[in-house]
C-alpha cells in the first residue's frame, strides 16, 4: 500500500500535536501579569502597586503542574531579559512585598528545569 507524501506529512503533523505539551496560558499572559510591576522593578516607585501584587498572585496561580511552573519561569526569564534596568533588590523582594511566594525566583540565572516535580 502506497502512502502519499501529503499523508505522511499529515501523520507527522498530528504526531507533533499529540506530543507537544500544552499549557493553560501563554508567555504573553505571564508577561501581562508582571507589566504593572515594571515601575517598581525599575526603581521608579518605592513599592509595588496593588495592581502589581494582583499580577503576582495571578502568576502564582497559573503554574499548577511542574511543567506549567517551568513554562511560566521561562516566560518570566525571557521577559526580564528585555529590561536590563531591573533592580535586583526589587526583583528579589517582589514576592515578599506582595505576600505571594512564587514557586521559582524571578532571575535570569535560575535554571527553570530545576523546579521540582
PDB file of N, CA and C in Angstrom:
ATOM      1  N   UNK A   1       0.844  -1.167   0.000  1.00  0.00           N
ATOM      2  CA  UNK A   1       0.000   0.000   0.000  1.00  0.00           C
ATOM      3  C   UNK A   1       0.893   1.235   0.000  1.00  0.00           C
ATOM      4  N   UNK A   2       0.652   2.124  -0.944  1.00  0.00           N
ATOM      5  CA  UNK A   2       1.433   3.355  -1.024  1.00  0.00           C
ATOM      6  C   UNK A   2       0.754   4.441  -0.205  1.00  0.00           C
ATOM      7  N   UNK A   3       1.581   5.204   0.487  1.00  0.00           N
ATOM      8  CA  UNK A   3       1.071   6.342   1.247  1.00  0.00           C
ATOM      9  C   UNK A   3       1.582   7.601   0.559  1.00  0.00           C
ATOM     10  N   UNK A   4       0.697   8.475   0.233  1.00  0.00           N
ATOM     11  CA  UNK A   4       1.074   9.715  -0.444  1.00  0.00           C
ATOM     12  C   UNK A   4       1.921  10.575   0.486  1.00  0.00           C
ATOM     13  N   UNK A   5       2.873  11.338  -0.087  1.00  0.00           N
ATOM     14  CA  UNK A   5       3.694  12.226   0.747  1.00  0.00           C
ATOM     15  C   UNK A   5       2.851  13.168   1.605  1.00  0.00           C
ATOM     16  N   UNK A   6       1.744  13.635   1.095  1.00  0.00           N
ATOM     17  CA  UNK A   6       0.876  14.521   1.886  1.00  0.00           C
ATOM     18  C   UNK A   6       0.324  13.775   3.096  1.00  0.00           C
ATOM     19  N   UNK A   7       0.038  12.497   2.922  1.00  0.00           N
ATOM     20  CA  UNK A   7      -0.459  11.694   4.037  1.00  0.00           C
ATOM     21  C   UNK A   7       0.590  11.521   5.119  1.00  0.00           C
ATOM     22  N   UNK A   8       1.828  11.335   4.712  1.00  0.00           N
ATOM     23  CA  UNK A   8       2.923  11.207   5.675  1.00  0.00           C
ATOM     24  C   UNK A   8       3.094  12.513   6.438  1.00  0.00           C
ATOM     25  N   UNK A   9       3.059  13.625   5.719  1.00  0.00           N
ATOM     26  CA  UNK A   9       3.182  14.923   6.381  1.00  0.00           C
ATOM     27  C   UNK A   9       2.049  15.146   7.371  1.00  0.00           C
ATOM     28  N   UNK A  10       0.856  14.737   7.002  1.00  0.00           N
ATOM     29  CA  UNK A  10      -0.288  14.887   7.900  1.00  0.00           C
ATOM     30  C   UNK A  10      -0.088  14.058   9.166  1.00  0.00           C
ATOM     31  N   UNK A  11       0.408  12.832   9.017  1.00  0.00           N
ATOM     32  CA  UNK A  11       0.668  11.988  10.184  1.00  0.00           C
ATOM     33  C   UNK A  11       1.748  12.593  11.073  1.00  0.00           C
ATOM     34  N   UNK A  12       2.805  13.127  10.473  1.00  0.00           N
ATOM     35  CA  UNK A  12       3.860  13.761  11.261  1.00  0.00           C
ATOM     36  C   UNK A  12       3.336  14.991  11.995  1.00  0.00           C
ATOM     37  N   UNK A  13       2.537  15.781  11.326  1.00  0.00           N
ATOM     38  CA  UNK A  13       1.966  16.965  11.975  1.00  0.00           C
ATOM     39  C   UNK A  13       1.084  16.553  13.142  1.00  0.00           C
ATOM     40  N   UNK A  14       0.296  15.506  12.958  1.00  0.00           N
ATOM     41  CA  UNK A  14      -0.563  15.017  14.034  1.00  0.00           C
ATOM     42  C   UNK A  14       0.285  14.527  15.206  1.00  0.00           C
ATOM     43  N   UNK A  15       1.374  13.830  14.917  1.00  0.00           N
ATOM     44  CA  UNK A  15       2.248  13.336  15.984  1.00  0.00           C
ATOM     45  C   UNK A  15       2.840  14.495  16.769  1.00  0.00           C
ATOM     46  N   UNK A  16       3.213  15.565  16.092  1.00  0.00           N
ATOM     47  CA  UNK A  16       3.758  16.725  16.793  1.00  0.00           C
ATOM     48  C   UNK A  16       2.720  17.359  17.702  1.00  0.00           C
ATOM     49  N   UNK A  17       1.502  17.416  17.251  1.00  0.00           N
ATOM     50  CA  UNK A  17       0.436  17.995  18.070  1.00  0.00           C
ATOM     51  C   UNK A  17       0.189  17.136  19.297  1.00  0.00           C
ATOM     52  N   UNK A  18       0.247  15.840  19.130  1.00  0.00           N
ATOM     53  CA  UNK A  18      -0.023  14.930  20.240  1.00  0.00           C
ATOM     54  C   UNK A  18       1.071  15.004  21.296  1.00  0.00           C
ATOM     55  N   UNK A  19       2.337  15.082  20.905  1.00  0.00           N
ATOM     56  CA  UNK A  19       3.415  15.051  21.884  1.00  0.00           C
ATOM     57  C   UNK A  19       3.815  16.431  22.388  1.00  0.00           C
ATOM     58  N   UNK A  20       3.396  17.493  21.712  1.00  0.00           N
ATOM     59  CA  UNK A  20       3.741  18.839  22.166  1.00  0.00           C
ATOM     60  C   UNK A  20       2.932  19.159  23.417  1.00  0.00           C
ATOM     61  N   UNK A  21       3.612  19.434  24.554  1.00  0.00           N
ATOM     62  CA  UNK A  21       2.856  19.746  25.760  1.00  0.00           C
ATOM     63  C   UNK A  21       2.109  21.065  25.603  1.00  0.00           C
ATOM     64  N   UNK A  22       0.922  21.089  26.157  1.00  0.00           N
ATOM     65  CA  UNK A  22       0.140  22.315  26.099  1.00  0.00           C
ATOM     66  C   UNK A  22       0.112  22.943  27.479  1.00  0.00           C
ATOM     67  N   UNK A  23      -0.094  24.226  27.487  1.00  0.00           N
ATOM     68  CA  UNK A  23      -0.153  24.970  28.735  1.00  0.00           C
ATOM     69  C   UNK A  23      -1.471  25.717  28.760  1.00  0.00           C
ATOM     70  N   UNK A  24      -1.957  25.954  29.942  1.00  0.00           N
ATOM     71  CA  UNK A  24      -3.233  26.640  30.093  1.00  0.00           C
ATOM     72  C   UNK A  24      -3.083  28.142  29.900  1.00  0.00           C
ATOM     73  N   UNK A  25      -1.870  28.598  29.611  1.00  0.00           N
ATOM     74  CA  UNK A  25      -1.609  30.027  29.464  1.00  0.00           C
ATOM     75  C   UNK A  25      -0.440  30.226  28.510  1.00  0.00           C
ATOM     76  N   UNK A  26      -0.250  31.466  28.096  1.00  0.00           N
ATOM     77  CA  UNK A  26       0.833  31.810  27.176  1.00  0.00           C
ATOM     78  C   UNK A  26       1.850  32.710  27.876  1.00  0.00           C
ATOM     79  N   UNK A  27       2.996  32.877  27.241  1.00  0.00           N
ATOM     80  CA  UNK A  27       4.000  33.794  27.795  1.00  0.00           C
ATOM     81  C   UNK A  27       3.464  35.221  27.827  1.00  0.00           C
ATOM     82  N   UNK A  28       2.653  35.575  26.871  1.00  0.00           N
ATOM     83  CA  UNK A  28       2.085  36.930  26.873  1.00  0.00           C
ATOM     84  C   UNK A  28       1.223  37.128  28.114  1.00  0.00           C
ATOM     85  N   UNK A  29       0.474  36.107  28.507  1.00  0.00           N
ATOM     86  CA  UNK A  29      -0.333  36.212  29.727  1.00  0.00           C
ATOM     87  C   UNK A  29       0.554  36.344  30.962  1.00  0.00           C
ATOM     88  N   UNK A  30       1.663  35.624  30.992  1.00  0.00           N
ATOM     89  CA  UNK A  30       2.605  35.728  32.113  1.00  0.00           C
ATOM     90  C   UNK A  30       3.180  37.142  32.168  1.00  0.00           C
ATOM     91  N   UNK A  31       3.613  37.647  31.029  1.00  0.00           N
ATOM     92  CA  UNK A  31       4.184  38.995  30.979  1.00  0.00           C
ATOM     93  C   UNK A  31       3.153  40.045  31.384  1.00  0.00           C
ATOM     94  N   UNK A  32       1.907  39.843  30.984  1.00  0.00           N
ATOM     95  CA  UNK A  32       0.841  40.784  31.339  1.00  0.00           C
ATOM     96  C   UNK A  32       0.650  40.844  32.852  1.00  0.00           C
ATOM     97  N   UNK A  33       0.834  39.723  33.524  1.00  0.00           N
ATOM     98  CA  UNK A  33       0.719  39.707  34.988  1.00  0.00           C
ATOM     99  C   UNK A  33       1.744  40.639  35.628  1.00  0.00           C
ATOM    100  N   UNK A  34       2.942  40.672  35.070  1.00  0.00           N
ATOM    101  CA  UNK A  34       4.026  41.434  35.692  1.00  0.00           C
ATOM    102  C   UNK A  34       4.199  42.844  35.138  1.00  0.00           C
ATOM    103  N   UNK A  35       3.505  43.181  34.072  1.00  0.00           N
ATOM    104  CA  UNK A  35       3.630  44.525  33.493  1.00  0.00           C
ATOM    105  C   UNK A  35       3.347  45.630  34.507  1.00  0.00           C
ATOM    106  N   UNK A  36       2.318  45.505  35.373  1.00  0.00           N
ATOM    107  CA  UNK A  36       2.085  46.571  36.351  1.00  0.00           C
ATOM    108  C   UNK A  36       3.221  46.730  37.368  1.00  0.00           C
ATOM    109  N   UNK A  37       4.143  45.784  37.396  1.00  0.00           N
ATOM    110  CA  UNK A  37       5.252  45.827  38.353  1.00  0.00           C
ATOM    111  C   UNK A  37       6.476  46.565  37.818  1.00  0.00           C
ATOM    112  N   UNK A  38       6.484  46.898  36.548  1.00  0.00           N
ATOM    113  CA  UNK A  38       7.695  47.466  35.948  1.00  0.00           C
ATOM    114  C   UNK A  38       8.147  48.757  36.614  1.00  0.00           C
ATOM    115  N   UNK A  39       7.213  49.612  37.021  1.00  0.00           N
ATOM    116  CA  UNK A  39       7.645  50.865  37.655  1.00  0.00           C
ATOM    117  C   UNK A  39       8.350  50.593  38.980  1.00  0.00           C
ATOM    118  N   UNK A  40       7.911  49.576  39.701  1.00  0.00           N
ATOM    119  CA  UNK A  40       8.597  49.201  40.941  1.00  0.00           C
ATOM    120  C   UNK A  40       9.922  48.499  40.629  1.00  0.00           C
ATOM    121  N   UNK A  41       9.890  47.554  39.706  1.00  0.00           N
ATOM    122  CA  UNK A  41      11.075  46.748  39.409  1.00  0.00           C
ATOM    123  C   UNK A  41      12.216  47.558  38.794  1.00  0.00           C
ATOM    124  N   UNK A  42      11.889  48.692  38.193  1.00  0.00           N
ATOM    125  CA  UNK A  42      12.924  49.548  37.605  1.00  0.00           C
ATOM    126  C   UNK A  42      13.294  50.715  38.514  1.00  0.00           C
ATOM    127  N   UNK A  43      12.743  50.743  39.723  1.00  0.00           N
ATOM    128  CA  UNK A  43      13.107  51.764  40.693  1.00  0.00           C
ATOM    129  C   UNK A  43      12.364  53.079  40.552  1.00  0.00           C
ATOM    130  N   UNK A  44      11.326  53.119  39.735  1.00  0.00           N
ATOM    131  CA  UNK A  44      10.562  54.352  39.561  1.00  0.00           C
ATOM    132  C   UNK A  44       9.544  54.561  40.677  1.00  0.00           C
ATOM    133  N   UNK A  45       9.199  53.497  41.384  1.00  0.00           N
ATOM    134  CA  UNK A  45       8.301  53.576  42.541  1.00  0.00           C
ATOM    135  C   UNK A  45       8.953  52.842  43.698  1.00  0.00           C
ATOM    136  N   UNK A  46       8.714  53.301  44.931  1.00  0.00           N
ATOM    137  CA  UNK A  46       9.365  52.677  46.084  1.00  0.00           C
ATOM    138  C   UNK A  46       8.743  51.346  46.509  1.00  0.00           C
ATOM    139  N   UNK A  47       7.539  51.058  46.042  1.00  0.00           N
ATOM    140  CA  UNK A  47       6.857  49.825  46.455  1.00  0.00           C
ATOM    141  C   UNK A  47       5.963  49.348  45.315  1.00  0.00           C
ATOM    142  N   UNK A  48       5.673  48.045  45.290  1.00  0.00           N
ATOM    143  CA  UNK A  48       4.766  47.542  44.257  1.00  0.00           C
ATOM    144  C   UNK A  48       3.342  48.066  44.481  1.00  0.00           C
ATOM    145  N   UNK A  49       2.642  48.311  43.401  1.00  0.00           N
ATOM    146  CA  UNK A  49       1.260  48.787  43.475  1.00  0.00           C
ATOM    147  C   UNK A  49       0.323  47.610  43.748  1.00  0.00           C
ATOM    148  N   UNK A  50      -0.906  47.881  44.181  1.00  0.00           N
ATOM    149  CA  UNK A  50      -1.875  46.787  44.335  1.00  0.00           C
ATOM    150  C   UNK A  50      -2.079  46.015  43.028  1.00  0.00           C
ATOM    151  N   UNK A  51      -2.067  46.713  41.894  1.00  0.00           N
ATOM    152  CA  UNK A  51      -2.209  46.029  40.605  1.00  0.00           C
ATOM    153  C   UNK A  51      -1.050  45.094  40.321  1.00  0.00           C
ATOM    154  N   UNK A  52       0.142  45.502  40.731  1.00  0.00           N
ATOM    155  CA  UNK A  52       1.322  44.652  40.583  1.00  0.00           C
ATOM    156  C   UNK A  52       1.152  43.378  41.408  1.00  0.00           C
ATOM    157  N   UNK A  53       0.766  43.537  42.661  1.00  0.00           N
ATOM    158  CA  UNK A  53       0.612  42.365  43.537  1.00  0.00           C
ATOM    159  C   UNK A  53      -0.518  41.454  43.060  1.00  0.00           C
ATOM    160  N   UNK A  54      -1.564  42.034  42.493  1.00  0.00           N
ATOM    161  CA  UNK A  54      -2.614  41.200  41.888  1.00  0.00           C
ATOM    162  C   UNK A  54      -2.022  40.352  40.770  1.00  0.00           C
ATOM    163  N   UNK A  55      -1.147  40.951  39.972  1.00  0.00           N
ATOM    164  CA  UNK A  55      -0.497  40.218  38.893  1.00  0.00           C
ATOM    165  C   UNK A  55       0.409  39.113  39.404  1.00  0.00           C
ATOM    166  N   UNK A  56       1.124  39.371  40.490  1.00  0.00           N
ATOM    167  CA  UNK A  56       1.987  38.342  41.084  1.00  0.00           C
ATOM    168  C   UNK A  56       1.127  37.176  41.572  1.00  0.00           C
ATOM    169  N   UNK A  57      -0.013  37.470  42.179  1.00  0.00           N
ATOM    170  CA  UNK A  57      -0.917  36.400  42.624  1.00  0.00           C
ATOM    171  C   UNK A  57      -1.466  35.608  41.434  1.00  0.00           C
ATOM    172  N   UNK A  58      -1.815  36.305  40.361  1.00  0.00           N
ATOM    173  CA  UNK A  58      -2.296  35.602  39.163  1.00  0.00           C
ATOM    174  C   UNK A  58      -1.194  34.707  38.603  1.00  0.00           C
ATOM    175  N   UNK A  59       0.039  35.218  38.591  1.00  0.00           N
ATOM    176  CA  UNK A  59       1.169  34.428  38.105  1.00  0.00           C
ATOM    177  C   UNK A  59       1.348  33.170  38.947  1.00  0.00           C
ATOM    178  N   UNK A  60       1.276  33.305  40.254  1.00  0.00           N
ATOM    179  CA  UNK A  60       1.430  32.138  41.131  1.00  0.00           C
ATOM    180  C   UNK A  60       0.358  31.097  40.840  1.00  0.00           C
ATOM    181  N   UNK A  61      -0.866  31.545  40.612  1.00  0.00           N
ATOM    182  CA  UNK A  61      -1.972  30.616  40.379  1.00  0.00           C
ATOM    183  C   UNK A  61      -1.951  29.988  38.995  1.00  0.00           C
ATOM    184  N   UNK A  62      -1.161  30.514  38.089  1.00  0.00           N
ATOM    185  CA  UNK A  62      -1.076  29.944  36.739  1.00  0.00           C
ATOM    186  C   UNK A  62      -0.347  28.610  36.731  1.00  0.00           C
ATOM    187  N   UNK A  63       0.715  28.506  37.488  1.00  0.00           N
ATOM    188  CA  UNK A  63       1.558  27.319  37.429  1.00  0.00           C
ATOM    189  C   UNK A  63       1.120  26.255  38.410  1.00  0.00           C
ATOM    190  N   UNK A  64       0.222  25.396  37.978  1.00  0.00           N
ATOM    191  CA  UNK A  64      -0.287  24.341  38.856  1.00  0.00           C
ATOM    192  C   UNK A  64       0.623  23.113  38.794  1.00  0.00           C
ATOM    193  N   UNK A  65       0.936  22.663  37.599  1.00  0.00           N
ATOM    194  CA  UNK A  65       1.776  21.478  37.447  1.00  0.00           C
ATOM    195  C   UNK A  65       3.245  21.894  37.362  1.00  0.00           C
ATOM    196  N   UNK A  66       4.156  20.971  37.598  1.00  0.00           N
ATOM    197  CA  UNK A  66       5.576  21.309  37.446  1.00  0.00           C
ATOM    198  C   UNK A  66       5.902  21.830  36.042  1.00  0.00           C
ATOM    199  N   UNK A  67       5.323  21.231  35.015  1.00  0.00           N
ATOM    200  CA  UNK A  67       5.586  21.690  33.646  1.00  0.00           C
ATOM    201  C   UNK A  67       5.091  23.119  33.450  1.00  0.00           C
ATOM    202  N   UNK A  68       3.947  23.453  34.025  1.00  0.00           N
ATOM    203  CA  UNK A  68       3.424  24.819  33.914  1.00  0.00           C
ATOM    204  C   UNK A  68       4.305  25.802  34.677  1.00  0.00           C
ATOM    205  N   UNK A  69       4.792  25.389  35.845  1.00  0.00           N
ATOM    206  CA  UNK A  69       5.684  26.265  36.612  1.00  0.00           C
ATOM    207  C   UNK A  69       6.984  26.508  35.843  1.00  0.00           C
ATOM    208  N   UNK A  70       7.517  25.462  35.218  1.00  0.00           N
ATOM    209  CA  UNK A  70       8.733  25.617  34.425  1.00  0.00           C
ATOM    210  C   UNK A  70       8.482  26.529  33.226  1.00  0.00           C
ATOM    211  N   UNK A  71       7.333  26.364  32.590  1.00  0.00           N
ATOM    212  CA  UNK A  71       6.980  27.204  31.448  1.00  0.00           C
ATOM    213  C   UNK A  71       6.866  28.661  31.884  1.00  0.00           C
ATOM    214  N   UNK A  72       6.147  28.913  32.981  1.00  0.00           N
ATOM    215  CA  UNK A  72       5.988  30.282  33.490  1.00  0.00           C
ATOM    216  C   UNK A  72       7.347  30.872  33.862  1.00  0.00           C
ATOM    217  N   UNK A  73       8.191  30.081  34.485  1.00  0.00           N
ATOM    218  CA  UNK A  73       9.537  30.523  34.863  1.00  0.00           C
ATOM    219  C   UNK A  73      10.323  30.964  33.631  1.00  0.00           C
ATOM    220  N   UNK A  74      10.281  30.169  32.581  1.00  0.00           N
ATOM    221  CA  UNK A  74      10.991  30.529  31.354  1.00  0.00           C
ATOM    222  C   UNK A  74      10.403  31.780  30.711  1.00  0.00           C
ATOM    223  N   UNK A  75       9.094  31.947  30.790  1.00  0.00           N
ATOM    224  CA  UNK A  75       8.462  33.166  30.264  1.00  0.00           C
ATOM    225  C   UNK A  75       8.952  34.391  31.030  1.00  0.00           C
ATOM    226  N   UNK A  76       9.025  34.277  32.349  1.00  0.00           N
ATOM    227  CA  UNK A  76       9.489  35.395  33.180  1.00  0.00           C
ATOM    228  C   UNK A  76      10.944  35.721  32.843  1.00  0.00           C
ATOM    229  N   UNK A  77      11.778  34.692  32.697  1.00  0.00           N
ATOM    230  CA  UNK A  77      13.183  34.919  32.340  1.00  0.00           C
ATOM    231  C   UNK A  77      13.288  35.630  30.994  1.00  0.00           C
ATOM    232  N   UNK A  78      12.498  35.187  30.045  1.00  0.00           N
ATOM    233  CA  UNK A  78      12.523  35.786  28.713  1.00  0.00           C
ATOM    234  C   UNK A  78      12.106  37.251  28.785  1.00  0.00           C
ATOM    235  N   UNK A  79      11.063  37.536  29.527  1.00  0.00           N
ATOM    236  CA  UNK A  79      10.588  38.917  29.660  1.00  0.00           C
ATOM    237  C   UNK A  79      11.622  39.777  30.380  1.00  0.00           C
ATOM    238  N   UNK A  80      12.213  39.250  31.443  1.00  0.00           N
ATOM    239  CA  UNK A  80      13.189  40.016  32.228  1.00  0.00           C
ATOM    240  C   UNK A  80      14.422  40.366  31.401  1.00  0.00           C
ATOM    241  N   UNK A  81      14.762  39.520  30.458  1.00  0.00           N
ATOM    242  CA  UNK A  81      15.934  39.775  29.621  1.00  0.00           C
ATOM    243  C   UNK A  81      15.764  41.033  28.771  1.00  0.00           C
ATOM    244  N   UNK A  82      14.533  41.462  28.558  1.00  0.00           N
ATOM    245  CA  UNK A  82      14.270  42.657  27.743  1.00  0.00           C
ATOM    246  C   UNK A  82      14.329  43.948  28.558  1.00  0.00           C
ATOM    247  N   UNK A  83      14.544  43.834  29.862  1.00  0.00           N
ATOM    248  CA  UNK A  83      14.586  45.006  30.735  1.00  0.00           C
ATOM    249  C   UNK A  83      15.896  45.003  31.525  1.00  0.00           C
ATOM    250  N   UNK A  84      16.978  45.489  30.928  1.00  0.00           N
ATOM    251  CA  UNK A  84      18.274  45.448  31.609  1.00  0.00           C
ATOM    252  C   UNK A  84      18.351  46.363  32.833  1.00  0.00           C
ATOM    253  N   UNK A  85      17.384  47.266  32.995  1.00  0.00           N
ATOM    254  CA  UNK A  85      17.439  48.204  34.119  1.00  0.00           C
ATOM    255  C   UNK A  85      16.639  47.732  35.335  1.00  0.00           C
ATOM    256  N   UNK A  86      16.314  46.449  35.398  1.00  0.00           N
ATOM    257  CA  UNK A  86      15.621  45.929  36.581  1.00  0.00           C
ATOM    258  C   UNK A  86      16.554  45.996  37.784  1.00  0.00           C
ATOM    259  N   UNK A  87      16.018  46.379  38.910  1.00  0.00           N
ATOM    260  CA  UNK A  87      16.787  46.459  40.158  1.00  0.00           C
ATOM    261  C   UNK A  87      16.739  45.096  40.846  1.00  0.00           C
ATOM    262  N   UNK A  88      17.912  44.512  41.070  1.00  0.00           N
ATOM    263  CA  UNK A  88      17.979  43.169  41.652  1.00  0.00           C
ATOM    264  C   UNK A  88      17.248  43.071  42.985  1.00  0.00           C
ATOM    265  N   UNK A  89      17.411  44.075  43.846  1.00  0.00           N
ATOM    266  CA  UNK A  89      16.754  44.008  45.152  1.00  0.00           C
ATOM    267  C   UNK A  89      15.236  44.087  45.007  1.00  0.00           C
ATOM    268  N   UNK A  90      14.747  44.889  44.079  1.00  0.00           N
ATOM    269  CA  UNK A  90      13.301  44.981  43.857  1.00  0.00           C
ATOM    270  C   UNK A  90      12.759  43.661  43.321  1.00  0.00           C
ATOM    271  N   UNK A  91      13.505  43.051  42.418  1.00  0.00           N
ATOM    272  CA  UNK A  91      13.082  41.772  41.843  1.00  0.00           C
ATOM    273  C   UNK A  91      13.004  40.705  42.929  1.00  0.00           C
ATOM    274  N   UNK A  92      14.032  40.611  43.765  1.00  0.00           N
ATOM    275  CA  UNK A  92      14.035  39.563  44.795  1.00  0.00           C
ATOM    276  C   UNK A  92      13.022  39.836  45.901  1.00  0.00           C
ATOM    277  N   UNK A  93      12.710  41.115  46.163  1.00  0.00           N
ATOM    278  CA  UNK A  93      11.751  41.455  47.222  1.00  0.00           C
ATOM    279  C   UNK A  93      10.292  41.382  46.777  1.00  0.00           C
ATOM    280  N   UNK A  94      10.037  41.361  45.482  1.00  0.00           N
ATOM    281  CA  UNK A  94       8.660  41.447  44.982  1.00  0.00           C
ATOM    282  C   UNK A  94       7.717  40.396  45.573  1.00  0.00           C
ATOM    283  N   UNK A  95       8.044  39.108  45.543  1.00  0.00           N
ATOM    284  CA  UNK A  95       7.098  38.137  46.116  1.00  0.00           C
ATOM    285  C   UNK A  95       6.813  38.392  47.600  1.00  0.00           C
ATOM    286  N   UNK A  96       7.839  38.759  48.362  1.00  0.00           N
ATOM    287  CA  UNK A  96       7.643  39.025  49.791  1.00  0.00           C
ATOM    288  C   UNK A  96       6.768  40.257  50.003  1.00  0.00           C
ATOM    289  N   UNK A  97       7.045  41.326  49.274  1.00  0.00           N
ATOM    290  CA  UNK A  97       6.269  42.551  49.437  1.00  0.00           C
ATOM    291  C   UNK A  97       4.810  42.369  49.011  1.00  0.00           C
ATOM    292  N   UNK A  98       4.574  41.452  48.108  1.00  0.00           N
ATOM    293  CA  UNK A  98       3.201  41.155  47.678  1.00  0.00           C
ATOM    294  C   UNK A  98       2.593  40.011  48.494  1.00  0.00           C
ATOM    295  N   UNK A  99       3.329  39.518  49.486  1.00  0.00           N
ATOM    296  CA  UNK A  99       2.872  38.406  50.332  1.00  0.00           C
ATOM    297  C   UNK A  99       2.422  37.220  49.481  1.00  0.00           C
ATOM    298  N   UNK A 100       3.185  36.960  48.423  1.00  0.00           N
ATOM    299  CA  UNK A 100       2.848  35.883  47.495  1.00  0.00           C
ATOM    300  C   UNK A 100       4.122  35.160  47.077  1.00  0.00           C
ATOM    301  N   UNK A 101       4.519  34.135  47.816  1.00  0.00           N
ATOM    302  CA  UNK A 101       5.723  33.408  47.406  1.00  0.00           C
ATOM    303  C   UNK A 101       5.492  32.692  46.073  1.00  0.00           C
ATOM    304  N   UNK A 102       6.450  32.825  45.190  1.00  0.00           N
ATOM    305  CA  UNK A 102       6.369  32.149  43.896  1.00  0.00           C
ATOM    306  C   UNK A 102       7.131  30.830  43.966  1.00  0.00           C
ATOM    307  N   UNK A 103       6.772  29.866  43.126  1.00  0.00           N
ATOM    308  CA  UNK A 103       7.473  28.575  43.149  1.00  0.00           C
ATOM    309  C   UNK A 103       8.837  28.622  42.465  1.00  0.00           C
ATOM    310  N   UNK A 104       9.247  29.813  42.024  1.00  0.00           N
ATOM    311  CA  UNK A 104      10.554  29.990  41.398  1.00  0.00           C
ATOM    312  C   UNK A 104      10.974  31.444  41.592  1.00  0.00           C
ATOM    313  N   UNK A 105      12.290  31.691  41.631  1.00  0.00           N
ATOM    314  CA  UNK A 105      12.739  33.082  41.746  1.00  0.00           C
ATOM    315  C   UNK A 105      12.634  33.795  40.397  1.00  0.00           C
ATOM    316  N   UNK A 106      12.444  35.088  40.446  1.00  0.00           N
ATOM    317  CA  UNK A 106      12.480  35.890  39.226  1.00  0.00           C
ATOM    318  C   UNK A 106      13.946  36.244  39.022  1.00  0.00           C
ATOM    319  N   UNK A 107      14.599  35.503  38.138  1.00  0.00           N
ATOM    320  CA  UNK A 107      16.041  35.653  37.969  1.00  0.00           C
ATOM    321  C   UNK A 107      16.455  35.152  36.596  1.00  0.00           C
ATOM    322  N   UNK A 108      17.370  35.873  35.971  1.00  0.00           N
ATOM    323  CA  UNK A 108      17.900  35.423  34.686  1.00  0.00           C
ATOM    324  C   UNK A 108      18.802  34.209  34.856  1.00  0.00           C
ATOM    325  N   UNK A 109      19.370  34.037  36.043  1.00  0.00           N
ATOM    326  CA  UNK A 109      20.320  32.953  36.273  1.00  0.00           C
ATOM    327  C   UNK A 109      19.659  31.642  36.691  1.00  0.00           C
ATOM    328  N   UNK A 110      18.415  31.684  37.142  1.00  0.00           N
ATOM    329  CA  UNK A 110      17.777  30.477  37.658  1.00  0.00           C
ATOM    330  C   UNK A 110      17.512  29.488  36.527  1.00  0.00           C
ATOM    331  N   UNK A 111      17.819  28.230  36.773  1.00  0.00           N
ATOM    332  CA  UNK A 111      17.564  27.156  35.811  1.00  0.00           C
ATOM    333  C   UNK A 111      16.151  26.632  36.051  1.00  0.00           C
ATOM    334  N   UNK A 112      15.231  27.008  35.177  1.00  0.00           N
ATOM    335  CA  UNK A 112      13.820  26.650  35.363  1.00  0.00           C
ATOM    336  C   UNK A 112      13.585  25.141  35.348  1.00  0.00           C
ATOM    337  N   UNK A 113      14.491  24.385  34.755  1.00  0.00           N
ATOM    338  CA  UNK A 113      14.319  22.929  34.741  1.00  0.00           C
ATOM    339  C   UNK A 113      14.545  22.326  36.127  1.00  0.00           C
ATOM    340  N   UNK A 114      15.066  23.109  37.062  1.00  0.00           N
ATOM    341  CA  UNK A 114      15.310  22.623  38.428  1.00  0.00           C
ATOM    342  C   UNK A 114      14.071  22.715  39.318  1.00  0.00           C
ATOM    343  N   UNK A 115      12.975  23.262  38.792  1.00  0.00           N
ATOM    344  CA  UNK A 115      11.743  23.324  39.581  1.00  0.00           C
ATOM    345  C   UNK A 115      11.298  21.890  39.837  1.00  0.00           C
ATOM    346  N   UNK A 116      11.108  21.524  41.110  1.00  0.00           N
ATOM    347  CA  UNK A 116      10.807  20.119  41.424  1.00  0.00           C
ATOM    348  C   UNK A 116       9.451  19.667  40.896  1.00  0.00           C
ATOM    349  N   UNK A 117       9.403  18.374  40.630  1.00  0.00           N
ATOM    350  CA  UNK A 117       8.147  17.767  40.153  1.00  0.00           C
ATOM    351  C   UNK A 117       7.174  17.557  41.258  1.00  0.00           C
TER     352      UNK A 117
END
